[in-house]
Amino acid sequence: MARVRNIDSAELPPELAEVYERFAGSYGPFRNQVAVFAHVPAALRHLFPMLMELREARTLPKRALEIAIVVVSNLNACHYCVAHHKPFLQVEGISSAGIDRIMDWQDHPELDATDKLVVQYAIAAWETPNRIPAALFRAIREVFTEAQVVELTLRITLCGFFNRFNDALQIEEEPEVHAAG
């Protein structure tokens, strides 16, 4: 059980209930997370529509996004986020066992050169953002557009925020996550 109570969408004004239900129903099994965020209407009003809009825009390749999220979530030992994003990454062609060993990226047989670059960038952007090697950034820019680099960086750092939020408030994994695993 989370450290604060889950708020049901029926307790919210209609416009916020709609965001809550749209996110909980279409983005993935994140109902427990959105139920905690519902304590702060501004967060519900802005964060979740942004995530849905980013997904719909498809600026960043889904495989790169999910690799970055799983890597950062592993760095932060956020089991909630790893469990939720592992199925998304499996859809992108990486096996369950391959995802479990994604942090051993250097000789990972399921990762191509771009995947390995995303892993390196996710680690650097999260752990040492003020010291990302120029060669790594140049390599990222050779593969991704400026908009994709900005979104990749946004999603890496936002993932770290969600990792810490989920863990600090002890948000529980939804039953659907365990059923999919």
N, C-alpha and C. Protein backbone atom coordinates (compact mmCIF):
# COMPACT_ATOMS: atom_id res chain seq x y z
N MET A 1 0.84 -1.18 0.00
CA MET A 1 0.00 0.00 0.00
C MET A 1 0.89 1.25 0.00
N ALA A 2 0.52 2.20 -0.82
CA ALA A 2 1.27 3.45 -0.89
C ALA A 2 1.21 4.18 0.45
N ARG A 3 2.14 5.08 0.64
CA ARG A 3 2.20 5.84 1.88
C ARG A 3 1.08 6.87 2.00
N VAL A 4 0.41 7.17 0.91
CA VAL A 4 -0.77 8.03 0.92
C VAL A 4 -1.89 7.25 0.25
N ARG A 5 -3.11 7.67 0.48
CA ARG A 5 -4.24 6.92 -0.08
C ARG A 5 -4.36 7.17 -1.58
N ASN A 6 -4.79 6.15 -2.28
CA ASN A 6 -5.11 6.29 -3.69
C ASN A 6 -6.43 7.04 -3.81
N ILE A 7 -6.46 8.02 -4.68
CA ILE A 7 -7.68 8.77 -4.94
C ILE A 7 -8.36 8.15 -6.15
N ASP A 8 -9.63 7.89 -6.04
CA ASP A 8 -10.41 7.36 -7.15
C ASP A 8 -10.77 8.51 -8.09
N SER A 9 -10.86 8.23 -9.36
CA SER A 9 -11.19 9.29 -10.32
C SER A 9 -12.54 9.92 -10.04
N ALA A 10 -13.47 9.19 -9.43
CA ALA A 10 -14.80 9.73 -9.11
C ALA A 10 -14.74 10.86 -8.10
N GLU A 11 -13.64 10.99 -7.38
CA GLU A 11 -13.47 12.05 -6.39
C GLU A 11 -12.98 13.36 -7.01
N LEU A 12 -12.69 13.34 -8.29
CA LEU A 12 -12.07 14.50 -8.95
C LEU A 12 -13.07 15.28 -9.79
N PRO A 13 -12.76 16.54 -10.07
CA PRO A 13 -13.58 17.29 -11.03
C PRO A 13 -13.56 16.56 -12.38
N PRO A 14 -14.61 16.70 -13.16
CA PRO A 14 -14.73 15.94 -14.42
C PRO A 14 -13.52 16.03 -15.35
N GLU A 15 -12.95 17.24 -15.51
CA GLU A 15 -11.81 17.36 -16.44
C GLU A 15 -10.59 16.60 -15.96
N LEU A 16 -10.37 16.54 -14.64
CA LEU A 16 -9.24 15.77 -14.11
C LEU A 16 -9.55 14.28 -14.11
N ALA A 17 -10.79 13.92 -13.85
CA ALA A 17 -11.19 12.51 -13.90
C ALA A 17 -10.99 11.96 -15.31
N GLU A 18 -11.25 12.80 -16.31
CA GLU A 18 -11.07 12.36 -17.70
C GLU A 18 -9.59 12.09 -18.00
N VAL A 19 -8.70 12.98 -17.54
CA VAL A 19 -7.26 12.77 -17.74
C VAL A 19 -6.82 11.49 -17.02
N TYR A 20 -7.22 11.35 -15.79
CA TYR A 20 -6.91 10.18 -14.96
C TYR A 20 -7.31 8.90 -15.68
N GLU A 21 -8.57 8.82 -16.10
CA GLU A 21 -9.07 7.59 -16.72
C GLU A 21 -8.47 7.35 -18.10
N ARG A 22 -8.23 8.42 -18.84
CA ARG A 22 -7.62 8.26 -20.16
C ARG A 22 -6.21 7.70 -20.01
N PHE A 23 -5.46 8.23 -19.05
CA PHE A 23 -4.10 7.74 -18.83
C PHE A 23 -4.12 6.32 -18.29
N ALA A 24 -4.94 6.08 -17.28
CA ALA A 24 -5.01 4.75 -16.66
C ALA A 24 -5.52 3.70 -17.64
N GLY A 25 -6.33 4.12 -18.60
CA GLY A 25 -6.91 3.17 -19.53
C GLY A 25 -6.13 2.95 -20.80
N SER A 26 -5.30 3.91 -21.19
CA SER A 26 -4.64 3.78 -22.49
C SER A 26 -3.12 3.74 -22.44
N TYR A 27 -2.52 4.28 -21.41
CA TYR A 27 -1.05 4.39 -21.39
C TYR A 27 -0.40 3.09 -20.93
N GLY A 28 -1.06 2.37 -20.08
CA GLY A 28 -0.52 1.15 -19.52
C GLY A 28 -1.07 0.98 -18.11
N PRO A 29 -0.68 -0.06 -17.43
CA PRO A 29 -1.24 -0.32 -16.10
C PRO A 29 -0.60 0.55 -15.01
N PHE A 30 -0.89 1.85 -15.06
CA PHE A 30 -0.30 2.79 -14.12
C PHE A 30 -1.36 3.41 -13.20
N ARG A 31 -2.46 2.71 -12.97
CA ARG A 31 -3.56 3.25 -12.18
C ARG A 31 -3.11 3.65 -10.77
N ASN A 32 -2.29 2.85 -10.11
CA ASN A 32 -1.86 3.19 -8.75
C ASN A 32 -1.03 4.47 -8.73
N GLN A 33 -0.22 4.65 -9.75
CA GLN A 33 0.60 5.86 -9.82
C GLN A 33 -0.27 7.10 -10.03
N VAL A 34 -1.18 7.04 -10.98
CA VAL A 34 -2.03 8.19 -11.25
C VAL A 34 -2.95 8.48 -10.07
N ALA A 35 -3.33 7.43 -9.33
CA ALA A 35 -4.20 7.60 -8.15
C ALA A 35 -3.48 8.35 -7.03
N VAL A 36 -2.17 8.25 -6.98
CA VAL A 36 -1.39 9.01 -5.99
C VAL A 36 -1.16 10.43 -6.50
N PHE A 37 -0.81 10.57 -7.77
CA PHE A 37 -0.62 11.90 -8.34
C PHE A 37 -1.89 12.74 -8.25
N ALA A 38 -3.05 12.10 -8.17
CA ALA A 38 -4.32 12.82 -8.11
C ALA A 38 -4.42 13.74 -6.90
N HIS A 39 -3.56 13.56 -5.92
CA HIS A 39 -3.53 14.47 -4.76
C HIS A 39 -3.09 15.88 -5.18
N VAL A 40 -2.39 15.97 -6.31
CA VAL A 40 -1.88 17.26 -6.78
C VAL A 40 -2.47 17.53 -8.17
N PRO A 41 -3.59 18.25 -8.22
CA PRO A 41 -4.27 18.46 -9.50
C PRO A 41 -3.37 19.00 -10.61
N ALA A 42 -2.47 19.91 -10.29
CA ALA A 42 -1.59 20.47 -11.34
C ALA A 42 -0.72 19.38 -11.97
N ALA A 43 -0.25 18.45 -11.16
CA ALA A 43 0.56 17.35 -11.70
C ALA A 43 -0.29 16.47 -12.62
N LEU A 44 -1.48 16.17 -12.18
CA LEU A 44 -2.39 15.36 -12.98
C LEU A 44 -2.76 16.08 -14.28
N ARG A 45 -2.97 17.37 -14.18
CA ARG A 45 -3.38 18.18 -15.32
C ARG A 45 -2.27 18.32 -16.36
N HIS A 46 -1.01 18.32 -15.94
CA HIS A 46 0.09 18.63 -16.86
C HIS A 46 0.98 17.43 -17.21
N LEU A 47 1.37 16.64 -16.23
CA LEU A 47 2.30 15.55 -16.50
C LEU A 47 1.70 14.46 -17.39
N PHE A 48 0.54 14.00 -17.06
CA PHE A 48 -0.03 12.86 -17.76
C PHE A 48 -0.48 13.19 -19.18
N PRO A 49 -1.11 14.34 -19.43
CA PRO A 49 -1.38 14.70 -20.82
C PRO A 49 -0.09 14.86 -21.64
N MET A 50 0.97 15.37 -21.01
CA MET A 50 2.24 15.50 -21.73
C MET A 50 2.75 14.12 -22.14
N LEU A 51 2.71 13.16 -21.23
CA LEU A 51 3.18 11.81 -21.56
C LEU A 51 2.36 11.21 -22.70
N MET A 52 1.05 11.40 -22.65
CA MET A 52 0.19 10.86 -23.71
C MET A 52 0.47 11.56 -25.05
N GLU A 53 0.70 12.87 -25.00
CA GLU A 53 1.00 13.61 -26.23
C GLU A 53 2.33 13.17 -26.82
N LEU A 54 3.33 12.97 -25.96
CA LEU A 54 4.63 12.50 -26.45
C LEU A 54 4.49 11.13 -27.12
N ARG A 55 3.71 10.25 -26.51
CA ARG A 55 3.51 8.92 -27.09
C ARG A 55 2.82 9.03 -28.45
N GLU A 56 1.82 9.87 -28.54
CA GLU A 56 1.09 10.03 -29.80
C GLU A 56 1.94 10.67 -30.89
N ALA A 57 2.84 11.57 -30.52
CA ALA A 57 3.68 12.26 -31.50
C ALA A 57 4.70 11.31 -32.14
N ARG A 58 5.15 10.33 -31.41
CA ARG A 58 6.11 9.33 -31.93
C ARG A 58 7.37 9.97 -32.50
N THR A 59 7.83 11.02 -31.88
CA THR A 59 9.06 11.68 -32.33
C THR A 59 10.26 10.77 -32.11
N LEU A 60 10.29 10.14 -30.97
CA LEU A 60 11.41 9.28 -30.58
C LEU A 60 11.02 7.82 -30.84
N PRO A 61 11.90 7.03 -31.45
CA PRO A 61 11.58 5.61 -31.64
C PRO A 61 11.27 4.94 -30.29
N LYS A 62 10.19 4.17 -30.26
CA LYS A 62 9.73 3.51 -29.03
C LYS A 62 10.82 2.63 -28.42
N ARG A 63 11.57 1.93 -29.22
CA ARG A 63 12.63 1.05 -28.71
C ARG A 63 13.67 1.87 -27.94
N ALA A 64 14.09 2.99 -28.50
CA ALA A 64 15.07 3.85 -27.82
C ALA A 64 14.50 4.38 -26.51
N LEU A 65 13.26 4.82 -26.55
CA LEU A 65 12.60 5.33 -25.34
C LEU A 65 12.56 4.28 -24.25
N GLU A 66 12.09 3.09 -24.59
CA GLU A 66 11.95 2.04 -23.57
C GLU A 66 13.30 1.55 -23.05
N ILE A 67 14.30 1.50 -23.91
CA ILE A 67 15.65 1.14 -23.44
C ILE A 67 16.11 2.17 -22.42
N ALA A 68 15.96 3.45 -22.74
CA ALA A 68 16.39 4.51 -21.82
C ALA A 68 15.65 4.42 -20.50
N ILE A 69 14.35 4.19 -20.53
CA ILE A 69 13.56 4.12 -19.29
C ILE A 69 13.98 2.92 -18.44
N VAL A 70 14.18 1.78 -19.08
CA VAL A 70 14.58 0.59 -18.31
C VAL A 70 15.98 0.76 -17.73
N VAL A 71 16.87 1.37 -18.47
CA VAL A 71 18.23 1.60 -17.98
C VAL A 71 18.21 2.53 -16.76
N VAL A 72 17.55 3.68 -16.88
CA VAL A 72 17.50 4.62 -15.75
C VAL A 72 16.79 3.98 -14.56
N SER A 73 15.72 3.25 -14.81
CA SER A 73 15.00 2.58 -13.72
C SER A 73 15.88 1.54 -13.04
N ASN A 74 16.72 0.86 -13.80
CA ASN A 74 17.68 -0.06 -13.20
C ASN A 74 18.73 0.68 -12.38
N LEU A 75 19.22 1.79 -12.91
CA LEU A 75 20.20 2.58 -12.15
C LEU A 75 19.64 3.02 -10.80
N ASN A 76 18.35 3.32 -10.78
CA ASN A 76 17.70 3.78 -9.55
C ASN A 76 17.04 2.66 -8.76
N ALA A 77 17.17 1.43 -9.25
CA ALA A 77 16.56 0.26 -8.61
C ALA A 77 15.06 0.47 -8.36
N CYS A 78 14.38 1.05 -9.35
CA CYS A 78 12.94 1.27 -9.25
C CYS A 78 12.23 0.06 -9.87
N HIS A 79 11.84 -0.86 -9.03
CA HIS A 79 11.21 -2.09 -9.49
C HIS A 79 9.86 -1.81 -10.15
N TYR A 80 9.14 -0.82 -9.65
CA TYR A 80 7.85 -0.44 -10.23
C TYR A 80 8.03 -0.11 -11.72
N CYS A 81 8.97 0.76 -12.02
CA CYS A 81 9.15 1.20 -13.41
C CYS A 81 9.74 0.10 -14.29
N VAL A 82 10.68 -0.67 -13.77
CA VAL A 82 11.23 -1.76 -14.58
C VAL A 82 10.11 -2.74 -14.92
N ALA A 83 9.31 -3.11 -13.93
CA ALA A 83 8.22 -4.07 -14.15
C ALA A 83 7.20 -3.53 -15.17
N HIS A 84 6.93 -2.24 -15.14
CA HIS A 84 5.95 -1.66 -16.05
C HIS A 84 6.48 -1.50 -17.47
N HIS A 85 7.77 -1.22 -17.60
CA HIS A 85 8.32 -0.95 -18.93
C HIS A 85 8.94 -2.17 -19.60
N LYS A 86 9.18 -3.21 -18.84
CA LYS A 86 9.73 -4.44 -19.43
C LYS A 86 8.82 -4.98 -20.54
N PRO A 87 7.50 -5.07 -20.33
CA PRO A 87 6.64 -5.56 -21.43
C PRO A 87 6.68 -4.65 -22.67
N PHE A 88 6.80 -3.35 -22.48
CA PHE A 88 6.88 -2.43 -23.61
C PHE A 88 8.16 -2.70 -24.41
N LEU A 89 9.25 -3.00 -23.71
CA LEU A 89 10.52 -3.27 -24.38
C LEU A 89 10.50 -4.65 -25.04
N GLN A 90 9.78 -5.60 -24.47
CA GLN A 90 9.65 -6.91 -25.11
C GLN A 90 8.94 -6.77 -26.45
N VAL A 91 7.94 -5.92 -26.51
CA VAL A 91 7.23 -5.68 -27.77
C VAL A 91 8.20 -5.13 -28.81
N GLU A 92 9.21 -4.43 -28.37
CA GLU A 92 10.21 -3.85 -29.28
C GLU A 92 11.31 -4.84 -29.66
N GLY A 93 11.16 -6.10 -29.26
CA GLY A 93 12.05 -7.14 -29.77
C GLY A 93 13.18 -7.60 -28.87
N ILE A 94 13.19 -7.19 -27.62
CA ILE A 94 14.22 -7.67 -26.70
C ILE A 94 13.56 -8.67 -25.77
N SER A 95 14.21 -9.82 -25.60
CA SER A 95 13.64 -10.89 -24.78
C SER A 95 13.63 -10.49 -23.30
N SER A 96 12.84 -11.21 -22.53
CA SER A 96 12.79 -10.96 -21.09
C SER A 96 14.18 -11.12 -20.47
N ALA A 97 14.87 -12.17 -20.84
CA ALA A 97 16.23 -12.39 -20.32
C ALA A 97 17.18 -11.28 -20.77
N GLY A 98 16.98 -10.82 -22.01
CA GLY A 98 17.81 -9.74 -22.52
C GLY A 98 17.58 -8.44 -21.78
N ILE A 99 16.35 -8.18 -21.41
CA ILE A 99 16.03 -6.98 -20.63
C ILE A 99 16.64 -7.10 -19.24
N ASP A 100 16.58 -8.29 -18.66
CA ASP A 100 17.14 -8.49 -17.33
C ASP A 100 18.64 -8.22 -17.29
N ARG A 101 19.31 -8.38 -18.41
CA ARG A 101 20.76 -8.13 -18.43
C ARG A 101 21.15 -6.90 -19.26
N ILE A 102 20.22 -5.98 -19.41
CA ILE A 102 20.47 -4.80 -20.25
C ILE A 102 21.63 -3.94 -19.73
N MET A 103 21.91 -4.00 -18.44
CA MET A 103 23.00 -3.20 -17.90
C MET A 103 24.36 -3.76 -18.31
N ASP A 104 24.40 -4.96 -18.83
CA ASP A 104 25.61 -5.55 -19.40
C ASP A 104 25.58 -5.30 -20.91
N TRP A 105 25.43 -4.07 -21.28
CA TRP A 105 25.16 -3.67 -22.65
C TRP A 105 26.34 -3.84 -23.60
N GLN A 106 27.57 -3.79 -23.09
CA GLN A 106 28.74 -3.79 -23.97
C GLN A 106 28.78 -4.99 -24.91
N ASP A 107 28.45 -6.17 -24.39
CA ASP A 107 28.49 -7.37 -25.23
C ASP A 107 27.11 -8.03 -25.34
N HIS A 108 26.09 -7.23 -25.24
CA HIS A 108 24.72 -7.74 -25.26
C HIS A 108 24.34 -8.15 -26.68
N PRO A 109 24.00 -9.42 -26.89
CA PRO A 109 23.72 -9.89 -28.26
C PRO A 109 22.42 -9.37 -28.86
N GLU A 110 21.51 -8.86 -28.04
CA GLU A 110 20.23 -8.38 -28.57
C GLU A 110 20.22 -6.87 -28.83
N LEU A 111 21.29 -6.19 -28.50
CA LEU A 111 21.35 -4.74 -28.70
C LEU A 111 22.20 -4.41 -29.91
N ASP A 112 21.68 -3.56 -30.78
CA ASP A 112 22.48 -3.11 -31.92
C ASP A 112 23.27 -1.87 -31.50
N ALA A 113 24.01 -1.30 -32.44
CA ALA A 113 24.87 -0.16 -32.12
C ALA A 113 24.07 1.03 -31.59
N THR A 114 22.91 1.31 -32.17
CA THR A 114 22.08 2.42 -31.70
C THR A 114 21.57 2.15 -30.29
N ASP A 115 21.13 0.93 -30.04
CA ASP A 115 20.66 0.56 -28.70
C ASP A 115 21.75 0.80 -27.67
N LYS A 116 22.97 0.37 -27.98
CA LYS A 116 24.09 0.53 -27.04
C LYS A 116 24.41 2.00 -26.81
N LEU A 117 24.26 2.79 -27.86
CA LEU A 117 24.46 4.23 -27.72
C LEU A 117 23.41 4.83 -26.79
N VAL A 118 22.16 4.40 -26.91
CA VAL A 118 21.09 4.88 -26.04
C VAL A 118 21.38 4.49 -24.59
N VAL A 119 21.86 3.27 -24.37
CA VAL A 119 22.21 2.84 -23.01
C VAL A 119 23.29 3.75 -22.45
N GLN A 120 24.34 3.97 -23.21
CA GLN A 120 25.44 4.83 -22.75
C GLN A 120 24.96 6.24 -22.44
N TYR A 121 24.13 6.78 -23.33
CA TYR A 121 23.63 8.14 -23.13
C TYR A 121 22.72 8.21 -21.91
N ALA A 122 21.86 7.22 -21.73
CA ALA A 122 20.96 7.21 -20.57
C ALA A 122 21.78 7.19 -19.28
N ILE A 123 22.80 6.37 -19.23
CA ILE A 123 23.65 6.30 -18.04
C ILE A 123 24.33 7.65 -17.81
N ALA A 124 24.91 8.19 -18.84
CA ALA A 124 25.64 9.47 -18.70
C ALA A 124 24.69 10.61 -18.35
N ALA A 125 23.57 10.70 -19.03
CA ALA A 125 22.63 11.80 -18.78
C ALA A 125 22.04 11.73 -17.37
N TRP A 126 21.89 10.53 -16.84
CA TRP A 126 21.35 10.39 -15.49
C TRP A 126 22.43 10.54 -14.43
N GLU A 127 23.56 9.88 -14.61
CA GLU A 127 24.58 9.85 -13.55
C GLU A 127 25.51 11.06 -13.56
N THR A 128 25.90 11.53 -14.73
CA THR A 128 26.86 12.64 -14.82
C THR A 128 26.46 13.62 -15.92
N PRO A 129 25.30 14.23 -15.78
CA PRO A 129 24.80 15.07 -16.88
C PRO A 129 25.71 16.25 -17.23
N ASN A 130 26.47 16.71 -16.29
CA ASN A 130 27.36 17.84 -16.58
C ASN A 130 28.70 17.37 -17.16
N ARG A 131 28.86 16.07 -17.32
CA ARG A 131 30.11 15.54 -17.86
C ARG A 131 29.86 14.50 -18.97
N ILE A 132 28.84 14.70 -19.76
CA ILE A 132 28.60 13.78 -20.88
C ILE A 132 29.74 13.99 -21.88
N PRO A 133 30.45 12.93 -22.20
CA PRO A 133 31.57 13.08 -23.14
C PRO A 133 31.12 13.64 -24.49
N ALA A 134 31.91 14.55 -25.02
CA ALA A 134 31.57 15.18 -26.30
C ALA A 134 31.43 14.13 -27.40
N ALA A 135 32.28 13.11 -27.38
CA ALA A 135 32.21 12.06 -28.41
C ALA A 135 30.88 11.30 -28.32
N LEU A 136 30.40 11.05 -27.11
CA LEU A 136 29.12 10.37 -26.94
C LEU A 136 27.99 11.25 -27.47
N PHE A 137 28.04 12.53 -27.15
CA PHE A 137 26.98 13.42 -27.64
C PHE A 137 27.01 13.54 -29.16
N ARG A 138 28.20 13.61 -29.74
CA ARG A 138 28.31 13.65 -31.21
C ARG A 138 27.71 12.38 -31.82
N ALA A 139 27.99 11.24 -31.21
CA ALA A 139 27.47 9.97 -31.72
C ALA A 139 25.94 9.93 -31.63
N ILE A 140 25.40 10.44 -30.54
CA ILE A 140 23.93 10.51 -30.39
C ILE A 140 23.34 11.41 -31.47
N ARG A 141 23.99 12.54 -31.73
CA ARG A 141 23.51 13.49 -32.74
C ARG A 141 23.60 12.94 -34.15
N GLU A 142 24.48 11.96 -34.38
CA GLU A 142 24.57 11.33 -35.70
C GLU A 142 23.39 10.41 -35.96
N VAL A 143 22.78 9.92 -34.88
CA VAL A 143 21.70 8.95 -35.00
C VAL A 143 20.32 9.60 -34.85
N PHE A 144 20.23 10.60 -33.99
CA PHE A 144 18.94 11.21 -33.67
C PHE A 144 18.90 12.68 -34.07
N THR A 145 17.71 13.15 -34.41
CA THR A 145 17.51 14.57 -34.71
C THR A 145 17.62 15.36 -33.40
N GLU A 146 17.69 16.67 -33.54
CA GLU A 146 17.73 17.51 -32.33
C GLU A 146 16.48 17.30 -31.49
N ALA A 147 15.31 17.25 -32.12
CA ALA A 147 14.07 17.03 -31.37
C ALA A 147 14.11 15.69 -30.65
N GLN A 148 14.63 14.66 -31.29
CA GLN A 148 14.73 13.35 -30.66
C GLN A 148 15.71 13.36 -29.49
N VAL A 149 16.82 14.08 -29.63
CA VAL A 149 17.79 14.18 -28.53
C VAL A 149 17.16 14.90 -27.35
N VAL A 150 16.43 15.96 -27.62
CA VAL A 150 15.77 16.69 -26.53
C VAL A 150 14.75 15.79 -25.85
N GLU A 151 13.93 15.09 -26.64
CA GLU A 151 12.95 14.21 -26.01
C GLU A 151 13.61 13.06 -25.27
N LEU A 152 14.65 12.47 -25.82
CA LEU A 152 15.37 11.39 -25.14
C LEU A 152 15.90 11.88 -23.79
N THR A 153 16.49 13.06 -23.78
CA THR A 153 17.01 13.63 -22.54
C THR A 153 15.87 13.94 -21.56
N LEU A 154 14.79 14.50 -22.07
CA LEU A 154 13.61 14.76 -21.24
C LEU A 154 13.11 13.47 -20.61
N ARG A 155 12.97 12.42 -21.40
CA ARG A 155 12.42 11.16 -20.90
C ARG A 155 13.37 10.48 -19.92
N ILE A 156 14.67 10.59 -20.14
CA ILE A 156 15.65 10.02 -19.20
C ILE A 156 15.52 10.71 -17.84
N THR A 157 15.51 12.01 -17.84
CA THR A 157 15.46 12.74 -16.57
C THR A 157 14.08 12.66 -15.93
N LEU A 158 13.03 12.66 -16.73
CA LEU A 158 11.68 12.49 -16.20
C LEU A 158 11.51 11.09 -15.61
N CYS A 159 12.11 10.11 -16.24
CA CYS A 159 12.06 8.75 -15.70
C CYS A 159 12.68 8.71 -14.30
N GLY A 160 13.81 9.37 -14.13
CA GLY A 160 14.43 9.42 -12.81
C GLY A 160 13.53 10.06 -11.78
N PHE A 161 12.81 11.10 -12.19
CA PHE A 161 11.83 11.72 -11.31
C PHE A 161 10.76 10.72 -10.91
N PHE A 162 10.17 10.03 -11.89
CA PHE A 162 9.13 9.05 -11.59
C PHE A 162 9.68 7.92 -10.71
N ASN A 163 10.90 7.48 -10.97
CA ASN A 163 11.50 6.43 -10.13
C ASN A 163 11.52 6.86 -8.67
N ARG A 164 11.97 8.05 -8.43
CA ARG A 164 12.10 8.52 -7.05
C ARG A 164 10.74 8.78 -6.42
N PHE A 165 9.83 9.31 -7.19
CA PHE A 165 8.47 9.54 -6.71
C PHE A 165 7.82 8.22 -6.30
N ASN A 166 7.87 7.25 -7.21
CA ASN A 166 7.25 5.94 -6.94
C ASN A 166 7.84 5.27 -5.71
N ASP A 167 9.16 5.31 -5.59
CA ASP A 167 9.81 4.65 -4.47
C ASP A 167 9.59 5.39 -3.15
N ALA A 168 9.65 6.72 -3.17
CA ALA A 168 9.46 7.50 -1.94
C ALA A 168 8.07 7.28 -1.36
N LEU A 169 7.08 7.15 -2.25
CA LEU A 169 5.70 6.98 -1.78
C LEU A 169 5.26 5.52 -1.80
N GLN A 170 6.19 4.63 -2.11
CA GLN A 170 5.96 3.18 -2.10
C GLN A 170 4.71 2.78 -2.90
N ILE A 171 4.65 3.27 -4.12
CA ILE A 171 3.52 2.93 -4.99
C ILE A 171 3.64 1.46 -5.38
N GLU A 172 2.56 0.74 -5.20
CA GLU A 172 2.55 -0.70 -5.47
C GLU A 172 2.31 -0.98 -6.95
N GLU A 173 2.92 -2.06 -7.42
CA GLU A 173 2.66 -2.50 -8.77
C GLU A 173 1.23 -3.03 -8.88
N GLU A 174 0.59 -2.70 -9.96
CA GLU A 174 -0.77 -3.15 -10.22
C GLU A 174 -0.78 -4.65 -10.52
N PRO A 175 -1.88 -5.33 -10.21
CA PRO A 175 -1.97 -6.78 -10.48
C PRO A 175 -1.72 -7.14 -11.95
N GLU A 176 -2.12 -6.27 -12.88
CA GLU A 176 -1.92 -6.55 -14.29
C GLU A 176 -0.44 -6.70 -14.65
N VAL A 177 0.42 -5.99 -13.93
CA VAL A 177 1.86 -6.05 -14.20
C VAL A 177 2.36 -7.45 -13.86
N HIS A 178 1.92 -7.99 -12.76
CA HIS A 178 2.34 -9.33 -12.36
C HIS A 178 1.75 -10.40 -13.27
N ALA A 179 0.54 -10.17 -13.76
CA ALA A 179 -0.11 -11.12 -14.66
C ALA A 179 0.63 -11.17 -16.00
N ALA A 180 1.14 -10.00 -16.45
CA ALA A 180 1.86 -9.95 -17.73
C ALA A 180 3.25 -10.55 -17.62
N GLY A 181 3.84 -10.51 -16.42
CA GLY A 181 5.21 -10.99 -16.22
C GLY A 181 5.27 -12.45 -16.25
